[in-house]
Structures are given as C-alpha cells and as structure tokens.
PDB file of all heavy atoms in Angstrom:
ATOM      1  N   GLU A   1       5.287   9.653   1.872  1.00  0.00           N
ATOM      2  CA  GLU A   1       3.836   9.542   1.737  1.00  0.00           C
ATOM      3  C   GLU A   1       3.391   8.263   1.035  1.00  0.00           C
ATOM      4  O   GLU A   1       2.393   7.651   1.416  1.00  0.00           O
ATOM      5  CB  GLU A   1       3.275  10.776   1.034  1.00  0.00           C
ATOM      6  CG  GLU A   1       3.359  12.030   1.916  1.00  0.00           C
ATOM      7  CD  GLU A   1       2.759  13.264   1.280  1.00  0.00           C
ATOM      8  OE1 GLU A   1       2.312  13.175   0.111  1.00  0.00           O
ATOM      9  OE2 GLU A   1       2.728  14.314   1.951  1.00  0.00           O
ATOM     10  N   GLN A   2       4.119   7.833  -0.002  1.00  0.00           N
ATOM     11  CA  GLN A   2       3.757   6.575  -0.655  1.00  0.00           C
ATOM     12  C   GLN A   2       3.981   5.394   0.284  1.00  0.00           C
ATOM     13  O   GLN A   2       3.205   4.423   0.278  1.00  0.00           O
ATOM     14  CB  GLN A   2       4.562   6.393  -1.946  1.00  0.00           C
ATOM     15  CG  GLN A   2       4.129   7.335  -3.057  1.00  0.00           C
ATOM     16  CD  GLN A   2       4.858   7.061  -4.364  1.00  0.00           C
ATOM     17  OE1 GLN A   2       5.883   6.381  -4.390  1.00  0.00           O
ATOM     18  NE2 GLN A   2       4.326   7.588  -5.452  1.00  0.00           N
ATOM     19  N   LEU A   3       5.010   5.475   1.090  1.00  0.00           N
ATOM     20  CA  LEU A   3       5.256   4.411   2.062  1.00  0.00           C
ATOM     21  C   LEU A   3       4.148   4.374   3.119  1.00  0.00           C
ATOM     22  O   LEU A   3       3.774   3.291   3.594  1.00  0.00           O
ATOM     23  CB  LEU A   3       6.615   4.594   2.728  1.00  0.00           C
ATOM     24  CG  LEU A   3       7.844   4.348   1.847  1.00  0.00           C
ATOM     25  CD1 LEU A   3       9.125   4.609   2.637  1.00  0.00           C
ATOM     26  CD2 LEU A   3       7.850   2.922   1.303  1.00  0.00           C
ATOM     27  N   GLU A   4       3.641   5.520   3.505  1.00  0.00           N
ATOM     28  CA  GLU A   4       2.506   5.554   4.441  1.00  0.00           C
ATOM     29  C   GLU A   4       1.326   4.767   3.869  1.00  0.00           C
ATOM     30  O   GLU A   4       0.673   3.982   4.575  1.00  0.00           O
ATOM     31  CB  GLU A   4       2.049   6.994   4.689  1.00  0.00           C
ATOM     32  CG  GLU A   4       2.997   7.860   5.480  1.00  0.00           C
ATOM     33  CD  GLU A   4       2.543   9.306   5.441  1.00  0.00           C
ATOM     34  OE1 GLU A   4       1.319   9.535   5.301  1.00  0.00           O
ATOM     35  OE2 GLU A   4       3.396  10.203   5.534  1.00  0.00           O
ATOM     36  N   PHE A   5       1.047   4.979   2.598  1.00  0.00           N
ATOM     37  CA  PHE A   5      -0.064   4.298   1.925  1.00  0.00           C
ATOM     38  C   PHE A   5       0.116   2.783   1.979  1.00  0.00           C
ATOM     39  O   PHE A   5      -0.806   2.040   2.331  1.00  0.00           O
ATOM     40  CB  PHE A   5      -0.148   4.782   0.473  1.00  0.00           C
ATOM     41  CG  PHE A   5      -1.121   4.027  -0.379  1.00  0.00           C
ATOM     42  CD1 PHE A   5      -2.476   4.276  -0.285  1.00  0.00           C
ATOM     43  CD2 PHE A   5      -0.677   3.069  -1.275  1.00  0.00           C
ATOM     44  CE1 PHE A   5      -3.388   3.576  -1.074  1.00  0.00           C
ATOM     45  CE2 PHE A   5      -1.577   2.365  -2.055  1.00  0.00           C
ATOM     46  CZ  PHE A   5      -2.940   2.619  -1.960  1.00  0.00           C
ATOM     47  N   LEU A   6       1.304   2.328   1.653  1.00  0.00           N
ATOM     48  CA  LEU A   6       1.575   0.893   1.687  1.00  0.00           C
ATOM     49  C   LEU A   6       1.562   0.367   3.118  1.00  0.00           C
ATOM     50  O   LEU A   6       1.010  -0.709   3.398  1.00  0.00           O
ATOM     51  CB  LEU A   6       2.930   0.604   1.035  1.00  0.00           C
ATOM     52  CG  LEU A   6       3.404  -0.854   1.066  1.00  0.00           C
ATOM     53  CD1 LEU A   6       2.393  -1.757   0.350  1.00  0.00           C
ATOM     54  CD2 LEU A   6       4.783  -0.974   0.431  1.00  0.00           C
ATOM     55  N   GLY A   7       2.128   1.125   4.033  1.00  0.00           N
ATOM     56  CA  GLY A   7       2.182   0.697   5.425  1.00  0.00           C
ATOM     57  C   GLY A   7       0.805   0.504   6.021  1.00  0.00           C
ATOM     58  O   GLY A   7       0.587  -0.409   6.826  1.00  0.00           O
ATOM     59  N   ASP A   8      -0.142   1.331   5.629  1.00  0.00           N
ATOM     60  CA  ASP A   8      -1.515   1.201   6.107  1.00  0.00           C
ATOM     61  C   ASP A   8      -2.093  -0.161   5.725  1.00  0.00           C
ATOM     62  O   ASP A   8      -2.749  -0.844   6.539  1.00  0.00           O
ATOM     63  CB  ASP A   8      -2.367   2.327   5.519  1.00  0.00           C
ATOM     64  CG  ASP A   8      -3.804   2.278   5.993  1.00  0.00           C
ATOM     65  OD1 ASP A   8      -4.040   2.452   7.199  1.00  0.00           O
ATOM     66  OD2 ASP A   8      -4.693   2.061   5.156  1.00  0.00           O
ATOM     67  N   ALA A   9      -1.839  -0.595   4.489  1.00  0.00           N
ATOM     68  CA  ALA A   9      -2.342  -1.885   4.018  1.00  0.00           C
ATOM     69  C   ALA A   9      -1.643  -3.040   4.737  1.00  0.00           C
ATOM     70  O   ALA A   9      -2.287  -4.025   5.116  1.00  0.00           O
ATOM     71  CB  ALA A   9      -2.146  -2.002   2.515  1.00  0.00           C
ATOM     72  N   VAL A  10      -0.333  -2.933   4.928  1.00  0.00           N
ATOM     73  CA  VAL A  10       0.419  -3.980   5.620  1.00  0.00           C
ATOM     74  C   VAL A  10      -0.069  -4.106   7.067  1.00  0.00           C
ATOM     75  O   VAL A  10      -0.250  -5.222   7.582  1.00  0.00           O
ATOM     76  CB  VAL A  10       1.935  -3.673   5.579  1.00  0.00           C
ATOM     77  CG1 VAL A  10       2.717  -4.656   6.443  1.00  0.00           C
ATOM     78  CG2 VAL A  10       2.443  -3.732   4.141  1.00  0.00           C
ATOM     79  N   LEU A  11      -0.286  -2.979   7.716  1.00  0.00           N
ATOM     80  CA  LEU A  11      -0.792  -2.979   9.089  1.00  0.00           C
ATOM     81  C   LEU A  11      -2.145  -3.672   9.198  1.00  0.00           C
ATOM     82  O   LEU A  11      -2.370  -4.493  10.090  1.00  0.00           O
ATOM     83  CB  LEU A  11      -0.921  -1.546   9.601  1.00  0.00           C
ATOM     84  CG  LEU A  11       0.322  -0.926  10.226  1.00  0.00           C
ATOM     85  CD1 LEU A  11       0.186   0.586  10.260  1.00  0.00           C
ATOM     86  CD2 LEU A  11       0.519  -1.466  11.632  1.00  0.00           C
ATOM     87  N   ASP A  12      -3.070  -3.341   8.297  1.00  0.00           N
ATOM     88  CA  ASP A  12      -4.401  -3.947   8.338  1.00  0.00           C
ATOM     89  C   ASP A  12      -4.321  -5.462   8.190  1.00  0.00           C
ATOM     90  O   ASP A  12      -4.988  -6.207   8.923  1.00  0.00           O
ATOM     91  CB  ASP A  12      -5.283  -3.363   7.234  1.00  0.00           C
ATOM     92  CG  ASP A  12      -6.045  -2.128   7.678  1.00  0.00           C
ATOM     93  OD1 ASP A  12      -5.954  -1.778   8.876  1.00  0.00           O
ATOM     94  OD2 ASP A  12      -6.703  -1.504   6.834  1.00  0.00           O
ATOM     95  N   MET A  13      -3.517  -5.918   7.241  1.00  0.00           N
ATOM     96  CA  MET A  13      -3.425  -7.359   7.003  1.00  0.00           C
ATOM     97  C   MET A  13      -2.804  -8.087   8.193  1.00  0.00           C
ATOM     98  O   MET A  13      -3.324  -9.104   8.661  1.00  0.00           O
ATOM     99  CB  MET A  13      -2.603  -7.642   5.746  1.00  0.00           C
ATOM    100  CG  MET A  13      -2.537  -9.130   5.416  1.00  0.00           C
ATOM    101  SD  MET A  13      -1.555  -9.482   3.966  1.00  0.00           S
ATOM    102  CE  MET A  13       0.078  -9.107   4.571  1.00  0.00           C
ATOM    103  N   LEU A  14      -1.700  -7.565   8.705  1.00  0.00           N
ATOM    104  CA  LEU A  14      -1.011  -8.252   9.790  1.00  0.00           C
ATOM    105  C   LEU A  14      -1.775  -8.139  11.104  1.00  0.00           C
ATOM    106  O   LEU A  14      -1.720  -9.052  11.936  1.00  0.00           O
ATOM    107  CB  LEU A  14       0.414  -7.710   9.926  1.00  0.00           C
ATOM    108  CG  LEU A  14       1.338  -8.074   8.762  1.00  0.00           C
ATOM    109  CD1 LEU A  14       2.725  -7.462   8.947  1.00  0.00           C
ATOM    110  CD2 LEU A  14       1.457  -9.591   8.610  1.00  0.00           C
ATOM    111  N   ALA A  15      -2.498  -7.049  11.300  1.00  0.00           N
ATOM    112  CA  ALA A  15      -3.334  -6.937  12.492  1.00  0.00           C
ATOM    113  C   ALA A  15      -4.460  -7.960  12.436  1.00  0.00           C
ATOM    114  O   ALA A  15      -4.799  -8.594  13.443  1.00  0.00           O
ATOM    115  CB  ALA A  15      -3.906  -5.529  12.611  1.00  0.00           C
ATOM    116  N   SER A  16      -5.057  -8.145  11.247  1.00  0.00           N
ATOM    117  CA  SER A  16      -6.110  -9.142  11.080  1.00  0.00           C
ATOM    118  C   SER A  16      -5.568 -10.533  11.381  1.00  0.00           C
ATOM    119  O   SER A  16      -6.210 -11.328  12.099  1.00  0.00           O
ATOM    120  CB  SER A  16      -6.660  -9.097   9.649  1.00  0.00           C
ATOM    121  OG  SER A  16      -7.206  -7.837   9.353  1.00  0.00           O
ATOM    122  N   GLU A  17      -4.423 -10.832  10.838  1.00  0.00           N
ATOM    123  CA  GLU A  17      -3.794 -12.136  11.065  1.00  0.00           C
ATOM    124  C   GLU A  17      -3.505 -12.371  12.542  1.00  0.00           C
ATOM    125  O   GLU A  17      -3.777 -13.450  13.087  1.00  0.00           O
ATOM    126  CB  GLU A  17      -2.489 -12.211  10.262  1.00  0.00           C
ATOM    127  CG  GLU A  17      -1.676 -13.474  10.462  1.00  0.00           C
ATOM    128  CD  GLU A  17      -0.303 -13.341   9.848  1.00  0.00           C
ATOM    129  OE1 GLU A  17       0.621 -12.818  10.514  1.00  0.00           O
ATOM    130  OE2 GLU A  17      -0.147 -13.764   8.690  1.00  0.00           O
ATOM    131  N   TYR A  18      -2.989 -11.357  13.206  1.00  0.00           N
ATOM    132  CA  TYR A  18      -2.632 -11.468  14.625  1.00  0.00           C
ATOM    133  C   TYR A  18      -3.868 -11.720  15.482  1.00  0.00           C
ATOM    134  O   TYR A  18      -3.867 -12.589  16.364  1.00  0.00           O
ATOM    135  CB  TYR A  18      -1.931 -10.187  15.064  1.00  0.00           C
ATOM    136  CG  TYR A  18      -1.490 -10.201  16.512  1.00  0.00           C
ATOM    137  CD1 TYR A  18      -0.342 -10.884  16.901  1.00  0.00           C
ATOM    138  CD2 TYR A  18      -2.233  -9.547  17.482  1.00  0.00           C
ATOM    139  CE1 TYR A  18       0.064 -10.907  18.233  1.00  0.00           C
ATOM    140  CE2 TYR A  18      -1.840  -9.562  18.817  1.00  0.00           C
ATOM    141  CZ  TYR A  18      -0.694 -10.238  19.177  1.00  0.00           C
ATOM    142  OH  TYR A  18      -0.303 -10.266  20.500  1.00  0.00           O
ATOM    143  N   LEU A  19      -4.942 -10.988  15.218  1.00  0.00           N
ATOM    144  CA  LEU A  19      -6.155 -11.140  16.011  1.00  0.00           C
ATOM    145  C   LEU A  19      -6.822 -12.492  15.771  1.00  0.00           C
ATOM    146  O   LEU A  19      -7.349 -13.108  16.700  1.00  0.00           O
ATOM    147  CB  LEU A  19      -7.128 -10.004  15.696  1.00  0.00           C
ATOM    148  CG  LEU A  19      -6.711  -8.630  16.225  1.00  0.00           C
ATOM    149  CD1 LEU A  19      -7.573  -7.538  15.614  1.00  0.00           C
ATOM    150  CD2 LEU A  19      -6.790  -8.585  17.744  1.00  0.00           C
ATOM    151  N   LEU A  20      -6.796 -12.971  14.542  1.00  0.00           N
ATOM    152  CA  LEU A  20      -7.363 -14.289  14.250  1.00  0.00           C
ATOM    153  C   LEU A  20      -6.635 -15.385  15.023  1.00  0.00           C
ATOM    154  O   LEU A  20      -7.260 -16.311  15.542  1.00  0.00           O
ATOM    155  CB  LEU A  20      -7.284 -14.576  12.749  1.00  0.00           C
ATOM    156  CG  LEU A  20      -8.368 -13.951  11.875  1.00  0.00           C
ATOM    157  CD1 LEU A  20      -8.027 -14.110  10.402  1.00  0.00           C
ATOM    158  CD2 LEU A  20      -9.720 -14.602  12.160  1.00  0.00           C
ATOM    159  N   ALA A  21      -5.316 -15.252  15.110  1.00  0.00           N
ATOM    160  CA  ALA A  21      -4.538 -16.250  15.838  1.00  0.00           C
ATOM    161  C   ALA A  21      -4.742 -16.125  17.346  1.00  0.00           C
ATOM    162  O   ALA A  21      -4.806 -17.137  18.060  1.00  0.00           O
ATOM    163  CB  ALA A  21      -3.060 -16.094  15.495  1.00  0.00           C
ATOM    164  N   ALA A  22      -4.855 -14.902  17.831  1.00  0.00           N
ATOM    165  CA  ALA A  22      -4.973 -14.681  19.277  1.00  0.00           C
ATOM    166  C   ALA A  22      -6.371 -14.992  19.798  1.00  0.00           C
ATOM    167  O   ALA A  22      -6.533 -15.451  20.939  1.00  0.00           O
ATOM    168  CB  ALA A  22      -4.602 -13.239  19.611  1.00  0.00           C
ATOM    169  N   PHE A  23      -7.406 -14.740  18.967  1.00  0.00           N
ATOM    170  CA  PHE A  23      -8.792 -14.908  19.411  1.00  0.00           C
ATOM    171  C   PHE A  23      -9.588 -15.676  18.354  1.00  0.00           C
ATOM    172  O   PHE A  23     -10.433 -15.099  17.659  1.00  0.00           O
ATOM    173  CB  PHE A  23      -9.428 -13.538  19.675  1.00  0.00           C
ATOM    174  CG  PHE A  23      -8.662 -12.696  20.649  1.00  0.00           C
ATOM    175  CD1 PHE A  23      -7.888 -11.627  20.216  1.00  0.00           C
ATOM    176  CD2 PHE A  23      -8.698 -12.978  22.010  1.00  0.00           C
ATOM    177  CE1 PHE A  23      -7.170 -10.854  21.121  1.00  0.00           C
ATOM    178  CE2 PHE A  23      -7.989 -12.219  22.922  1.00  0.00           C
ATOM    179  CZ  PHE A  23      -7.219 -11.150  22.485  1.00  0.00           C
ATOM    180  N   PRO A  24      -9.338 -16.970  18.216  1.00  0.00           N
ATOM    181  CA  PRO A  24      -9.983 -17.756  17.150  1.00  0.00           C
ATOM    182  C   PRO A  24     -11.494 -17.875  17.288  1.00  0.00           C
ATOM    183  O   PRO A  24     -12.178 -18.208  16.311  1.00  0.00           O
ATOM    184  CB  PRO A  24      -9.314 -19.129  17.284  1.00  0.00           C
ATOM    185  CG  PRO A  24      -8.806 -19.187  18.681  1.00  0.00           C
ATOM    186  CD  PRO A  24      -8.416 -17.785  19.018  1.00  0.00           C
ATOM    187  N   ASP A  25     -12.047 -17.613  18.464  1.00  0.00           N
ATOM    188  CA  ASP A  25     -13.486 -17.755  18.671  1.00  0.00           C
ATOM    189  C   ASP A  25     -14.264 -16.464  18.475  1.00  0.00           C
ATOM    190  O   ASP A  25     -15.493 -16.459  18.597  1.00  0.00           O
ATOM    191  CB  ASP A  25     -13.757 -18.291  20.091  1.00  0.00           C
ATOM    192  CG  ASP A  25     -13.162 -19.667  20.315  1.00  0.00           C
ATOM    193  OD1 ASP A  25     -13.092 -20.442  19.344  1.00  0.00           O
ATOM    194  OD2 ASP A  25     -12.734 -19.953  21.446  1.00  0.00           O
ATOM    195  N   TRP A  26     -13.583 -15.379  18.215  1.00  0.00           N
ATOM    196  CA  TRP A  26     -14.271 -14.102  18.087  1.00  0.00           C
ATOM    197  C   TRP A  26     -15.073 -14.015  16.795  1.00  0.00           C
ATOM    198  O   TRP A  26     -14.715 -14.604  15.770  1.00  0.00           O
ATOM    199  CB  TRP A  26     -13.267 -12.955  18.136  1.00  0.00           C
ATOM    200  CG  TRP A  26     -12.888 -12.564  19.530  1.00  0.00           C
ATOM    201  CD1 TRP A  26     -13.300 -13.140  20.687  1.00  0.00           C
ATOM    202  CD2 TRP A  26     -12.008 -11.504  19.889  1.00  0.00           C
ATOM    203  NE1 TRP A  26     -12.739 -12.499  21.754  1.00  0.00           N
ATOM    204  CE2 TRP A  26     -11.944 -11.503  21.299  1.00  0.00           C
ATOM    205  CE3 TRP A  26     -11.279 -10.570  19.173  1.00  0.00           C
ATOM    206  CZ2 TRP A  26     -11.171 -10.581  22.001  1.00  0.00           C
ATOM    207  CZ3 TRP A  26     -10.512  -9.651  19.864  1.00  0.00           C
ATOM    208  CH2 TRP A  26     -10.461  -9.654  21.270  1.00  0.00           C
ATOM    209  N   SER A  27     -16.146 -13.236  16.826  1.00  0.00           N
ATOM    210  CA  SER A  27     -16.971 -12.994  15.642  1.00  0.00           C
ATOM    211  C   SER A  27     -16.280 -11.988  14.722  1.00  0.00           C
ATOM    212  O   SER A  27     -15.325 -11.301  15.114  1.00  0.00           O
ATOM    213  CB  SER A  27     -18.331 -12.441  16.054  1.00  0.00           C
ATOM    214  OG  SER A  27     -18.185 -11.124  16.592  1.00  0.00           O
ATOM    215  N   GLU A  28     -16.812 -11.895  13.511  1.00  0.00           N
ATOM    216  CA  GLU A  28     -16.263 -10.914  12.559  1.00  0.00           C
ATOM    217  C   GLU A  28     -16.385  -9.496  13.111  1.00  0.00           C
ATOM    218  O   GLU A  28     -15.479  -8.670  12.955  1.00  0.00           O
ATOM    219  CB  GLU A  28     -16.993 -11.017  11.220  1.00  0.00           C
ATOM    220  CG  GLU A  28     -16.471 -10.031  10.171  1.00  0.00           C
ATOM    221  CD  GLU A  28     -17.260 -10.075   8.882  1.00  0.00           C
ATOM    222  OE1 GLU A  28     -18.190 -10.897   8.776  1.00  0.00           O
ATOM    223  OE2 GLU A  28     -16.953  -9.280   7.977  1.00  0.00           O
ATOM    224  N   GLY A  29     -17.512  -9.221  13.790  1.00  0.00           N
ATOM    225  CA  GLY A  29     -17.700  -7.890  14.354  1.00  0.00           C
ATOM    226  C   GLY A  29     -16.668  -7.565  15.408  1.00  0.00           C
ATOM    227  O   GLY A  29     -16.129  -6.455  15.438  1.00  0.00           O
ATOM    228  N   GLN A  30     -16.399  -8.519  16.295  1.00  0.00           N
ATOM    229  CA  GLN A  30     -15.381  -8.304  17.328  1.00  0.00           C
ATOM    230  C   GLN A  30     -14.014  -8.084  16.699  1.00  0.00           C
ATOM    231  O   GLN A  30     -13.254  -7.204  17.115  1.00  0.00           O
ATOM    232  CB  GLN A  30     -15.322  -9.506  18.269  1.00  0.00           C
ATOM    233  CG  GLN A  30     -16.456  -9.587  19.266  1.00  0.00           C
ATOM    234  CD  GLN A  30     -16.349 -10.832  20.125  1.00  0.00           C
ATOM    235  OE1 GLN A  30     -16.347 -11.955  19.607  1.00  0.00           O
ATOM    236  NE2 GLN A  30     -16.246 -10.643  21.421  1.00  0.00           N
ATOM    237  N   LEU A  31     -13.702  -8.895  15.699  1.00  0.00           N
ATOM    238  CA  LEU A  31     -12.394  -8.780  15.039  1.00  0.00           C
ATOM    239  C   LEU A  31     -12.249  -7.428  14.338  1.00  0.00           C
ATOM    240  O   LEU A  31     -11.197  -6.797  14.416  1.00  0.00           O
ATOM    241  CB  LEU A  31     -12.210  -9.923  14.042  1.00  0.00           C
ATOM    242  CG  LEU A  31     -12.062 -11.311  14.641  1.00  0.00           C
ATOM    243  CD1 LEU A  31     -12.216 -12.379  13.562  1.00  0.00           C
ATOM    244  CD2 LEU A  31     -10.699 -11.467  15.335  1.00  0.00           C
ATOM    245  N   SER A  32     -13.305  -6.993  13.675  1.00  0.00           N
ATOM    246  CA  SER A  32     -13.245  -5.715  12.954  1.00  0.00           C
ATOM    247  C   SER A  32     -13.048  -4.543  13.906  1.00  0.00           C
ATOM    248  O   SER A  32     -12.217  -3.651  13.657  1.00  0.00           O
ATOM    249  CB  SER A  32     -14.531  -5.505  12.145  1.00  0.00           C
ATOM    250  OG  SER A  32     -14.642  -6.468  11.131  1.00  0.00           O
ATOM    251  N   LYS A  33     -13.811  -4.541  15.017  1.00  0.00           N
ATOM    252  CA  LYS A  33     -13.671  -3.463  15.990  1.00  0.00           C
ATOM    253  C   LYS A  33     -12.285  -3.479  16.629  1.00  0.00           C
ATOM    254  O   LYS A  33     -11.680  -2.428  16.861  1.00  0.00           O
ATOM    255  CB  LYS A  33     -14.751  -3.583  17.057  1.00  0.00           C
ATOM    256  CG  LYS A  33     -16.151  -3.240  16.556  1.00  0.00           C
ATOM    257  CD  LYS A  33     -17.198  -3.524  17.612  1.00  0.00           C
ATOM    258  CE  LYS A  33     -18.594  -3.238  17.095  1.00  0.00           C
ATOM    259  NZ  LYS A  33     -19.635  -3.599  18.082  1.00  0.00           N
ATOM    260  N   SER A  34     -11.786  -4.675  16.914  1.00  0.00           N
ATOM    261  CA  SER A  34     -10.476  -4.784  17.544  1.00  0.00           C
ATOM    262  C   SER A  34      -9.366  -4.310  16.616  1.00  0.00           C
ATOM    263  O   SER A  34      -8.446  -3.623  17.035  1.00  0.00           O
ATOM    264  CB  SER A  34     -10.218  -6.238  17.947  1.00  0.00           C
ATOM    265  OG  SER A  34     -11.181  -6.669  18.878  1.00  0.00           O
ATOM    266  N   ARG A  35      -9.487  -4.675  15.341  1.00  0.00           N
ATOM    267  CA  ARG A  35      -8.471  -4.233  14.388  1.00  0.00           C
ATOM    268  C   ARG A  35      -8.465  -2.717  14.274  1.00  0.00           C
ATOM    269  O   ARG A  35      -7.396  -2.085  14.224  1.00  0.00           O
ATOM    270  CB  ARG A  35      -8.728  -4.860  13.015  1.00  0.00           C
ATOM    271  CG  ARG A  35      -7.674  -4.473  11.962  1.00  0.00           C
ATOM    272  CD  ARG A  35      -7.994  -5.101  10.632  1.00  0.00           C
ATOM    273  NE  ARG A  35      -9.279  -4.645  10.120  1.00  0.00           N
ATOM    274  CZ  ARG A  35      -9.901  -5.213   9.087  1.00  0.00           C
ATOM    275  NH1 ARG A  35      -9.379  -6.260   8.480  1.00  0.00           N
ATOM    276  NH2 ARG A  35     -11.069  -4.731   8.676  1.00  0.00           N
ATOM    277  N   ALA A  36      -9.657  -2.125  14.252  1.00  0.00           N
ATOM    278  CA  ALA A  36      -9.738  -0.669  14.151  1.00  0.00           C
ATOM    279  C   ALA A  36      -9.058   0.000  15.337  1.00  0.00           C
ATOM    280  O   ALA A  36      -8.390   1.029  15.185  1.00  0.00           O
ATOM    281  CB  ALA A  36     -11.203  -0.234  14.069  1.00  0.00           C
ATOM    282  N   ARG A  37      -9.196  -0.575  16.518  1.00  0.00           N
ATOM    283  CA  ARG A  37      -8.570   0.009  17.709  1.00  0.00           C
ATOM    284  C   ARG A  37      -7.075  -0.282  17.753  1.00  0.00           C
ATOM    285  O   ARG A  37      -6.290   0.513  18.261  1.00  0.00           O
ATOM    286  CB  ARG A  37      -9.250  -0.523  18.961  1.00  0.00           C
ATOM    287  CG  ARG A  37     -10.702  -0.106  19.078  1.00  0.00           C
ATOM    288  CD  ARG A  37     -11.327  -0.553  20.377  1.00  0.00           C
ATOM    289  NE  ARG A  37     -10.733   0.148  21.507  1.00  0.00           N
ATOM    290  CZ  ARG A  37     -11.157   0.007  22.759  1.00  0.00           C
ATOM    291  NH1 ARG A  37     -12.146  -0.822  23.025  1.00  0.00           N
ATOM    292  NH2 ARG A  37     -10.586   0.677  23.735  1.00  0.00           N
ATOM    293  N   LEU A  38      -6.688  -1.440  17.215  1.00  0.00           N
ATOM    294  CA  LEU A  38      -5.289  -1.847  17.269  1.00  0.00           C
ATOM    295  C   LEU A  38      -4.408  -0.976  16.385  1.00  0.00           C
ATOM    296  O   LEU A  38      -3.256  -0.708  16.717  1.00  0.00           O
ATOM    297  CB  LEU A  38      -5.181  -3.314  16.837  1.00  0.00           C
ATOM    298  CG  LEU A  38      -3.897  -4.065  17.141  1.00  0.00           C
ATOM    299  CD1 LEU A  38      -3.634  -4.119  18.640  1.00  0.00           C
ATOM    300  CD2 LEU A  38      -3.962  -5.477  16.566  1.00  0.00           C
ATOM    301  N   VAL A  39      -4.951  -0.529  15.244  1.00  0.00           N
ATOM    302  CA  VAL A  39      -4.131   0.215  14.289  1.00  0.00           C
ATOM    303  C   VAL A  39      -4.657   1.629  14.042  1.00  0.00           C
ATOM    304  O   VAL A  39      -4.339   2.232  13.026  1.00  0.00           O
ATOM    305  CB  VAL A  39      -4.011  -0.549  12.946  1.00  0.00           C
ATOM    306  CG1 VAL A  39      -3.364  -1.892  13.155  1.00  0.00           C
ATOM    307  CG2 VAL A  39      -5.388  -0.722  12.288  1.00  0.00           C
ATOM    308  N   ASN A  40      -5.442   2.169  14.994  1.00  0.00           N
ATOM    309  CA  ASN A  40      -5.924   3.534  14.778  1.00  0.00           C
ATOM    310  C   ASN A  40      -4.797   4.544  15.002  1.00  0.00           C
ATOM    311  O   ASN A  40      -3.700   4.199  15.447  1.00  0.00           O
ATOM    312  CB  ASN A  40      -7.149   3.847  15.644  1.00  0.00           C
ATOM    313  CG  ASN A  40      -6.850   3.874  17.135  1.00  0.00           C
ATOM    314  OD1 ASN A  40      -5.713   4.027  17.569  1.00  0.00           O
ATOM    315  ND2 ASN A  40      -7.887   3.729  17.940  1.00  0.00           N
ATOM    316  N   ALA A  41      -5.077   5.790  14.672  1.00  0.00           N
ATOM    317  CA  ALA A  41      -4.031   6.816  14.714  1.00  0.00           C
ATOM    318  C   ALA A  41      -3.430   6.977  16.107  1.00  0.00           C
ATOM    319  O   ALA A  41      -2.221   7.178  16.246  1.00  0.00           O
ATOM    320  CB  ALA A  41      -4.597   8.150  14.223  1.00  0.00           C
ATOM    321  N   ARG A  42      -4.266   6.879  17.126  1.00  0.00           N
ATOM    322  CA  ARG A  42      -3.764   7.043  18.495  1.00  0.00           C
ATOM    323  C   ARG A  42      -2.824   5.903  18.876  1.00  0.00           C
ATOM    324  O   ARG A  42      -1.766   6.129  19.485  1.00  0.00           O
ATOM    325  CB  ARG A  42      -4.946   7.102  19.465  1.00  0.00           C
ATOM    326  CG  ARG A  42      -4.557   7.222  20.936  1.00  0.00           C
ATOM    327  CD  ARG A  42      -3.768   8.479  21.222  1.00  0.00           C
ATOM    328  NE  ARG A  42      -3.542   8.645  22.648  1.00  0.00           N
ATOM    329  CZ  ARG A  42      -2.669   9.489  23.181  1.00  0.00           C
ATOM    330  NH1 ARG A  42      -1.938  10.264  22.392  1.00  0.00           N
ATOM    331  NH2 ARG A  42      -2.529   9.596  24.483  1.00  0.00           N
ATOM    332  N   ALA A  43      -3.186   4.663  18.520  1.00  0.00           N
ATOM    333  CA  ALA A  43      -2.325   3.518  18.827  1.00  0.00           C
ATOM    334  C   ALA A  43      -0.989   3.637  18.110  1.00  0.00           C
ATOM    335  O   ALA A  43       0.076   3.343  18.688  1.00  0.00           O
ATOM    336  CB  ALA A  43      -3.028   2.218  18.434  1.00  0.00           C
TER     337      ALA A  43
END
C-alpha cells in the first residue's frame, strides 16, 4: 500500500514529462486531461 502511494506520484510526474515531450504545442488543459486518461485506473 505504501508503494502504491509512491507509485501514483511517480506515474503523474513521468506521464506529465512524456506528454510535454510528445506534444509540445498542447495547452495546459489538453495536457491535464491527457494525463488523467493516461494514468487512470482503467489504463
């Protein structure tokens, strides 16, 4: 369970980094929505 907590933070950071590199022209709103879909429970 403690690892889950840490993993959630690592996922958010690395997903943000990945999307910024892949889509440098996207707005903050697009990036936020994409990150939420990229690391949601279903994904």
